[in-house]
N, C-alpha and C. Protein backbone atom coordinates (compact mmCIF):
# COMPACT_ATOMS: atom_id res chain seq x y z
N MET A 1 -44.59 9.74 -9.84
CA MET A 1 -43.24 10.00 -9.51
C MET A 1 -43.12 11.35 -8.80
N ARG A 2 -43.12 11.20 -7.55
CA ARG A 2 -43.04 12.40 -6.72
C ARG A 2 -41.60 12.79 -6.42
N SER A 3 -40.67 11.96 -6.72
CA SER A 3 -39.28 12.25 -6.39
C SER A 3 -38.76 13.46 -7.14
N GLY A 4 -39.24 13.75 -8.29
CA GLY A 4 -38.80 14.90 -9.07
C GLY A 4 -39.13 16.22 -8.40
N PRO A 5 -40.40 16.47 -8.05
CA PRO A 5 -40.71 17.73 -7.39
C PRO A 5 -40.09 17.83 -6.00
N ARG A 6 -39.97 16.70 -5.35
CA ARG A 6 -39.38 16.71 -4.01
C ARG A 6 -37.91 17.10 -4.09
N ARG A 7 -37.20 16.53 -5.03
CA ARG A 7 -35.79 16.87 -5.22
C ARG A 7 -35.65 18.33 -5.63
N ASN A 8 -36.55 18.80 -6.41
CA ASN A 8 -36.52 20.18 -6.84
C ASN A 8 -36.72 21.11 -5.64
N GLY A 9 -37.63 20.74 -4.75
CA GLY A 9 -37.87 21.53 -3.54
C GLY A 9 -36.65 21.50 -2.62
N ILE A 10 -35.99 20.37 -2.49
CA ILE A 10 -34.79 20.24 -1.66
C ILE A 10 -33.67 21.11 -2.23
N LYS A 11 -33.51 21.08 -3.56
CA LYS A 11 -32.48 21.89 -4.19
C LYS A 11 -32.73 23.38 -3.96
N LYS A 12 -34.01 23.79 -4.04
CA LYS A 12 -34.35 25.19 -3.80
C LYS A 12 -34.04 25.59 -2.37
N ASN A 13 -34.36 24.71 -1.43
CA ASN A 13 -34.08 25.00 -0.02
C ASN A 13 -32.57 25.07 0.23
N ILE A 14 -31.83 24.14 -0.37
CA ILE A 14 -30.38 24.16 -0.21
C ILE A 14 -29.81 25.45 -0.79
N TYR A 15 -30.29 25.85 -1.96
CA TYR A 15 -29.83 27.08 -2.59
C TYR A 15 -30.16 28.29 -1.71
N ARG A 16 -31.39 28.34 -1.19
CA ARG A 16 -31.82 29.46 -0.34
C ARG A 16 -31.00 29.52 0.94
N ILE A 17 -30.80 28.39 1.58
CA ILE A 17 -30.03 28.35 2.83
C ILE A 17 -28.58 28.74 2.57
N THR A 18 -28.01 28.24 1.47
CA THR A 18 -26.63 28.59 1.13
C THR A 18 -26.50 30.08 0.84
N ARG A 19 -27.46 30.64 0.10
CA ARG A 19 -27.45 32.06 -0.22
C ARG A 19 -27.58 32.89 1.06
N ASP A 20 -28.47 32.49 1.96
CA ASP A 20 -28.64 33.20 3.23
C ASP A 20 -27.36 33.12 4.07
N PHE A 21 -26.75 31.94 4.07
CA PHE A 21 -25.51 31.76 4.82
C PHE A 21 -24.42 32.67 4.27
N GLU A 22 -24.23 32.69 2.97
CA GLU A 22 -23.20 33.53 2.35
C GLU A 22 -23.47 35.01 2.62
N SER A 23 -24.73 35.40 2.58
CA SER A 23 -25.10 36.79 2.86
C SER A 23 -24.77 37.15 4.31
N ASP A 24 -25.14 36.27 5.25
CA ASP A 24 -24.85 36.50 6.67
C ASP A 24 -23.34 36.52 6.92
N LYS A 25 -22.64 35.62 6.25
CA LYS A 25 -21.19 35.55 6.39
C LYS A 25 -20.54 36.85 5.91
N ALA A 26 -20.97 37.36 4.77
CA ALA A 26 -20.42 38.61 4.24
C ALA A 26 -20.74 39.77 5.19
N LEU A 27 -21.93 39.80 5.74
CA LEU A 27 -22.32 40.85 6.67
C LEU A 27 -21.46 40.79 7.94
N ILE A 28 -21.24 39.60 8.46
CA ILE A 28 -20.41 39.43 9.65
C ILE A 28 -18.97 39.88 9.37
N HIS A 29 -18.43 39.51 8.21
CA HIS A 29 -17.07 39.94 7.85
C HIS A 29 -17.00 41.46 7.72
N ALA A 30 -17.99 42.06 7.10
CA ALA A 30 -17.98 43.52 6.93
C ALA A 30 -18.06 44.21 8.29
N ARG A 31 -18.91 43.70 9.18
CA ARG A 31 -19.04 44.28 10.52
C ARG A 31 -17.72 44.13 11.29
N PHE A 32 -17.12 42.94 11.17
CA PHE A 32 -15.85 42.70 11.85
C PHE A 32 -14.78 43.65 11.34
N ASP A 33 -14.68 43.79 10.02
CA ASP A 33 -13.67 44.70 9.45
C ASP A 33 -13.91 46.13 9.90
N GLY A 34 -15.17 46.55 9.95
CA GLY A 34 -15.49 47.90 10.41
C GLY A 34 -15.09 48.11 11.86
N GLU A 35 -15.43 47.17 12.71
CA GLU A 35 -15.07 47.28 14.13
C GLU A 35 -13.55 47.25 14.31
N LYS A 36 -12.91 46.40 13.52
CA LYS A 36 -11.44 46.30 13.60
C LYS A 36 -10.81 47.63 13.21
N ASN A 37 -11.29 48.25 12.15
CA ASN A 37 -10.74 49.54 11.71
C ASN A 37 -10.94 50.62 12.77
N VAL A 38 -12.10 50.61 13.41
CA VAL A 38 -12.37 51.59 14.47
C VAL A 38 -11.39 51.38 15.63
N LEU A 39 -11.22 50.14 16.02
CA LEU A 39 -10.32 49.84 17.14
C LEU A 39 -8.86 50.14 16.80
N VAL A 40 -8.46 49.85 15.56
CA VAL A 40 -7.09 50.17 15.14
C VAL A 40 -6.89 51.68 15.19
N GLY A 41 -7.89 52.43 14.75
CA GLY A 41 -7.81 53.89 14.82
C GLY A 41 -7.69 54.38 16.25
N LYS A 42 -8.45 53.79 17.15
CA LYS A 42 -8.37 54.18 18.56
C LYS A 42 -7.00 53.85 19.13
N ILE A 43 -6.48 52.70 18.79
CA ILE A 43 -5.15 52.30 19.29
C ILE A 43 -4.10 53.28 18.79
N GLU A 44 -4.17 53.64 17.51
CA GLU A 44 -3.19 54.58 16.97
C GLU A 44 -3.30 55.94 17.66
N ALA A 45 -4.52 56.39 17.91
CA ALA A 45 -4.71 57.68 18.60
C ALA A 45 -4.16 57.62 20.01
N LEU A 46 -4.38 56.51 20.71
CA LEU A 46 -3.87 56.36 22.07
C LEU A 46 -2.35 56.28 22.09
N GLU A 47 -1.77 55.61 21.10
CA GLU A 47 -0.31 55.53 21.02
C GLU A 47 0.29 56.92 20.78
N LYS A 48 -0.35 57.71 19.91
CA LYS A 48 0.13 59.07 19.67
C LYS A 48 0.01 59.91 20.93
N MET A 49 -1.11 59.74 21.65
CA MET A 49 -1.30 60.50 22.89
C MET A 49 -0.26 60.11 23.93
N ALA A 50 0.00 58.81 24.04
CA ALA A 50 1.01 58.34 25.01
C ALA A 50 2.39 58.88 24.65
N SER A 51 2.71 58.89 23.37
CA SER A 51 4.00 59.41 22.93
C SER A 51 4.10 60.91 23.22
N SER A 52 3.03 61.62 22.94
CA SER A 52 3.00 63.06 23.20
C SER A 52 3.14 63.34 24.70
N GLN A 53 2.45 62.56 25.51
CA GLN A 53 2.54 62.76 26.96
C GLN A 53 3.91 62.39 27.49
N ALA A 54 4.54 61.38 26.91
CA ALA A 54 5.89 61.01 27.33
C ALA A 54 6.86 62.14 27.02
N ALA A 55 6.70 62.76 25.86
CA ALA A 55 7.55 63.90 25.51
C ALA A 55 7.29 65.07 26.45
N LEU A 56 6.03 65.30 26.79
CA LEU A 56 5.69 66.38 27.71
C LEU A 56 6.27 66.12 29.10
N ILE A 57 6.20 64.88 29.56
CA ILE A 57 6.77 64.52 30.86
C ILE A 57 8.29 64.76 30.86
N ALA A 58 8.94 64.37 29.78
CA ALA A 58 10.39 64.58 29.69
C ALA A 58 10.71 66.07 29.72
N ASP A 59 9.94 66.87 29.00
CA ASP A 59 10.15 68.32 28.98
C ASP A 59 9.93 68.92 30.36
N LEU A 60 8.85 68.51 31.01
CA LEU A 60 8.55 69.04 32.34
C LEU A 60 9.59 68.59 33.36
N SER A 61 10.10 67.39 33.22
CA SER A 61 11.16 66.92 34.13
C SER A 61 12.41 67.76 33.97
N THR A 62 12.75 68.06 32.73
CA THR A 62 13.92 68.90 32.47
C THR A 62 13.72 70.29 33.08
N LYS A 63 12.56 70.86 32.88
CA LYS A 63 12.27 72.18 33.44
C LYS A 63 12.29 72.15 34.96
N SER A 64 11.79 71.06 35.55
CA SER A 64 11.80 70.92 37.00
C SER A 64 13.23 70.86 37.53
N GLU A 65 14.08 70.11 36.84
CA GLU A 65 15.49 70.02 37.24
C GLU A 65 16.17 71.39 37.14
N LEU A 66 15.88 72.12 36.07
CA LEU A 66 16.48 73.46 35.92
C LEU A 66 15.98 74.40 37.01
N ALA A 67 14.70 74.33 37.33
CA ALA A 67 14.15 75.18 38.40
C ALA A 67 14.79 74.82 39.74
N TYR A 68 14.97 73.54 40.00
CA TYR A 68 15.61 73.10 41.24
C TYR A 68 17.04 73.63 41.32
N GLU A 69 17.76 73.57 40.20
CA GLU A 69 19.13 74.09 40.18
C GLU A 69 19.15 75.59 40.45
N LYS A 70 18.18 76.32 39.89
CA LYS A 70 18.11 77.76 40.14
C LYS A 70 17.83 78.06 41.61
N VAL A 71 16.92 77.29 42.20
CA VAL A 71 16.62 77.46 43.62
C VAL A 71 17.86 77.18 44.46
N GLN A 72 18.58 76.12 44.12
CA GLN A 72 19.81 75.80 44.84
C GLN A 72 20.83 76.93 44.71
N ASP A 73 20.95 77.49 43.49
CA ASP A 73 21.89 78.58 43.26
C ASP A 73 21.50 79.81 44.08
N ILE A 74 20.21 80.12 44.11
CA ILE A 74 19.75 81.27 44.90
C ILE A 74 20.02 81.04 46.38
N ALA A 75 19.76 79.82 46.85
CA ALA A 75 20.01 79.50 48.26
C ALA A 75 21.50 79.61 48.58
N ASN A 76 22.34 79.11 47.69
CA ASN A 76 23.79 79.20 47.91
C ASN A 76 24.26 80.66 47.95
N ARG A 77 23.72 81.48 47.04
CA ARG A 77 24.08 82.90 47.04
C ARG A 77 23.64 83.58 48.33
N ALA A 78 22.43 83.22 48.80
CA ALA A 78 21.92 83.83 50.04
C ALA A 78 22.79 83.44 51.22
N VAL A 79 23.19 82.19 51.30
CA VAL A 79 24.05 81.74 52.40
C VAL A 79 25.41 82.41 52.31
N THR A 80 25.96 82.50 51.11
CA THR A 80 27.26 83.15 50.92
C THR A 80 27.19 84.62 51.31
N ALA A 81 26.13 85.29 50.89
CA ALA A 81 25.96 86.71 51.23
C ALA A 81 25.80 86.89 52.73
N ALA A 82 25.08 86.00 53.38
CA ALA A 82 24.90 86.09 54.83
C ALA A 82 26.22 85.89 55.55
N ARG A 83 27.04 84.99 55.07
CA ARG A 83 28.35 84.76 55.68
C ARG A 83 29.24 85.98 55.50
N ARG A 84 29.20 86.57 54.29
CA ARG A 84 30.00 87.76 54.04
C ARG A 84 29.60 88.90 54.96
N GLU A 85 28.32 89.08 55.16
CA GLU A 85 27.84 90.16 56.02
C GLU A 85 28.25 89.94 57.47
N SER A 86 28.33 88.71 57.91
CA SER A 86 28.72 88.46 59.30
C SER A 86 30.22 88.66 59.51
N TYR A 87 31.02 88.61 58.44
CA TYR A 87 32.46 88.81 58.56
C TYR A 87 32.90 90.24 58.29
N ILE A 88 32.01 91.11 57.84
CA ILE A 88 32.39 92.50 57.54
C ILE A 88 32.69 93.23 58.84
N THR A 89 33.81 93.94 58.85
CA THR A 89 34.21 94.69 60.06
C THR A 89 33.40 95.97 60.15
N PRO A 90 33.12 96.42 61.35
CA PRO A 90 32.36 97.66 61.51
C PRO A 90 33.08 98.84 60.89
N VAL A 91 32.35 99.82 60.39
CA VAL A 91 32.90 100.99 59.73
C VAL A 91 32.56 102.22 60.55
N GLN A 92 33.45 103.18 60.53
CA GLN A 92 33.19 104.42 61.25
C GLN A 92 32.35 105.34 60.37
N HIS A 93 31.34 105.97 60.98
CA HIS A 93 30.46 106.87 60.24
C HIS A 93 30.67 108.30 60.75
N ALA A 94 31.02 109.16 59.87
CA ALA A 94 31.13 110.59 60.12
C ALA A 94 31.85 110.91 61.44
N GLY A 95 32.97 110.27 61.63
CA GLY A 95 33.76 110.57 62.80
C GLY A 95 33.30 109.91 64.07
N VAL A 96 32.26 109.07 64.01
CA VAL A 96 31.76 108.38 65.19
C VAL A 96 32.38 106.99 65.19
N ALA A 97 33.01 106.69 66.27
CA ALA A 97 33.65 105.37 66.34
C ALA A 97 32.60 104.31 66.66
N VAL A 98 32.77 103.20 65.99
CA VAL A 98 31.89 102.08 66.24
C VAL A 98 32.68 101.05 66.99
N LYS A 99 32.15 100.60 68.09
CA LYS A 99 32.86 99.65 68.94
C LYS A 99 32.81 98.27 68.30
N ASP A 100 33.95 97.67 68.22
CA ASP A 100 34.04 96.31 67.70
C ASP A 100 34.12 95.38 68.89
N ASP A 101 33.15 94.48 69.04
CA ASP A 101 33.07 93.58 70.18
C ASP A 101 34.26 92.62 70.23
N LYS A 102 34.88 92.40 69.14
CA LYS A 102 35.98 91.44 69.09
C LYS A 102 37.23 92.02 69.72
N GLN A 103 37.40 93.33 69.69
CA GLN A 103 38.60 93.95 70.21
C GLN A 103 38.51 94.16 71.71
N GLY A 104 37.36 94.21 72.22
CA GLY A 104 37.19 94.28 73.65
C GLY A 104 36.97 95.61 74.12
């Protein structure tokens, strides 16, 4: 009766293959979980960086707008001052008359 040892050998092989499969399956799950955790960490870091950069862009845009307004204000003052200087009437210095071209 050889069926007894043969069945015993088949059972051992089935047990060994099943054990190997479960071991490989656990290893694959552990590797997957590890890689997933690393990628989730990278995603979170990138999201924080994107949020930080968005805040920095908003701050720089505000500063740029303020600088532009200051430049416009300076330009307006310069134009206003130039207009005022062109309308100022000539002044006499120490008894010397200054000819005004408008009077002829």
